[in-house]
């Protein structure tokens, strides 16, 4: 439902860095990485059952 959040945070981080707010940009970029990794571990909990 909120899968746009990492993209929105990354865009805001790039905008902050572009407008010389590097500290806030780094915080937003770090939040993007943390949220992306957390959602990966939340959704990638079951092994895939492939049978070829």
C-alpha atoms as a PDB file:
ATOM      1  CA  UNK A   1       0.000   0.000   0.000  1.00  0.00           C
ATOM      2  CA  UNK A   2       2.798   2.403   0.825  1.00  0.00           C
ATOM      3  CA  UNK A   3       5.344   1.155  -1.694  1.00  0.00           C
ATOM      4  CA  UNK A   4       5.826   4.687  -2.994  1.00  0.00           C
ATOM      5  CA  UNK A   5       7.437   5.723   0.311  1.00  0.00           C
ATOM      6  CA  UNK A   6      11.051   4.762  -0.552  1.00  0.00           C
ATOM      7  CA  UNK A   7      10.773   6.573  -3.877  1.00  0.00           C
ATOM      8  CA  UNK A   8       9.293   9.648  -2.227  1.00  0.00           C
ATOM      9  CA  UNK A   9      12.027   9.696   0.423  1.00  0.00           C
ATOM     10  CA  UNK A  10      14.732   9.257  -2.221  1.00  0.00           C
ATOM     11  CA  UNK A  11      13.272  12.113  -4.265  1.00  0.00           C
ATOM     12  CA  UNK A  12      13.105  14.351  -1.197  1.00  0.00           C
ATOM     13  CA  UNK A  13      16.689  13.405  -0.304  1.00  0.00           C
ATOM     14  CA  UNK A  14      17.925  14.273  -3.793  1.00  0.00           C
ATOM     15  CA  UNK A  15      16.031  17.561  -3.682  1.00  0.00           C
ATOM     16  CA  UNK A  16      17.609  18.424  -0.329  1.00  0.00           C
ATOM     17  CA  UNK A  17      21.102  17.644  -1.583  1.00  0.00           C
ATOM     18  CA  UNK A  18      20.420  19.660  -4.733  1.00  0.00           C
ATOM     19  CA  UNK A  19      19.350  22.643  -2.630  1.00  0.00           C
ATOM     20  CA  UNK A  20      22.463  22.389  -0.389  1.00  0.00           C
ATOM     21  CA  UNK A  21      20.742  20.745   2.598  1.00  0.00           C
ATOM     22  CA  UNK A  22      23.198  17.858   2.618  1.00  0.00           C
ATOM     23  CA  UNK A  23      22.603  16.830   6.236  1.00  0.00           C
ATOM     24  CA  UNK A  24      18.872  16.406   5.761  1.00  0.00           C
ATOM     25  CA  UNK A  25      19.509  14.707   2.441  1.00  0.00           C
ATOM     26  CA  UNK A  26      21.731  12.115   4.096  1.00  0.00           C
ATOM     27  CA  UNK A  27      19.098  11.492   6.769  1.00  0.00           C
ATOM     28  CA  UNK A  28      16.389  10.964   4.150  1.00  0.00           C
ATOM     29  CA  UNK A  29      18.672   8.744   2.067  1.00  0.00           C
ATOM     30  CA  UNK A  30      19.476   6.645   5.147  1.00  0.00           C
ATOM     31  CA  UNK A  31      15.771   6.366   5.964  1.00  0.00           C
ATOM     32  CA  UNK A  32      15.171   5.159   2.404  1.00  0.00           C
ATOM     33  CA  UNK A  33      17.766   2.404   2.783  1.00  0.00           C
ATOM     34  CA  UNK A  34      16.439   1.329   6.201  1.00  0.00           C
ATOM     35  CA  UNK A  35      12.828   1.160   4.997  1.00  0.00           C
ATOM     36  CA  UNK A  36      13.773  -0.749   1.846  1.00  0.00           C
ATOM     37  CA  UNK A  37      15.793  -3.344   3.766  1.00  0.00           C
ATOM     38  CA  UNK A  38      13.099  -3.672   6.440  1.00  0.00           C
ATOM     39  CA  UNK A  39      10.408  -4.277   3.823  1.00  0.00           C
ATOM     40  CA  UNK A  40      12.647  -6.795   2.075  1.00  0.00           C
ATOM     41  CA  UNK A  41      13.077  -8.816   5.277  1.00  0.00           C
ATOM     42  CA  UNK A  42       9.344  -8.520   5.983  1.00  0.00           C
ATOM     43  CA  UNK A  43       8.310  -9.862   2.585  1.00  0.00           C
ATOM     44  CA  UNK A  44      11.145 -12.318   1.869  1.00  0.00           C
ATOM     45  CA  UNK A  45      10.588 -14.710   4.756  1.00  0.00           C
ATOM     46  CA  UNK A  46       9.454 -17.866   2.925  1.00  0.00           C
ATOM     47  CA  UNK A  47      11.656 -19.902   0.578  1.00  0.00           C
ATOM     48  CA  UNK A  48      10.526 -20.192  -3.014  1.00  0.00           C
ATOM     49  CA  UNK A  49       9.331 -23.651  -4.007  1.00  0.00           C
ATOM     50  CA  UNK A  50      10.544 -24.077  -7.558  1.00  0.00           C
ATOM     51  CA  UNK A  51      10.254 -27.443  -9.266  1.00  0.00           C
ATOM     52  CA  UNK A  52      11.935 -27.682 -12.639  1.00  0.00           C
END
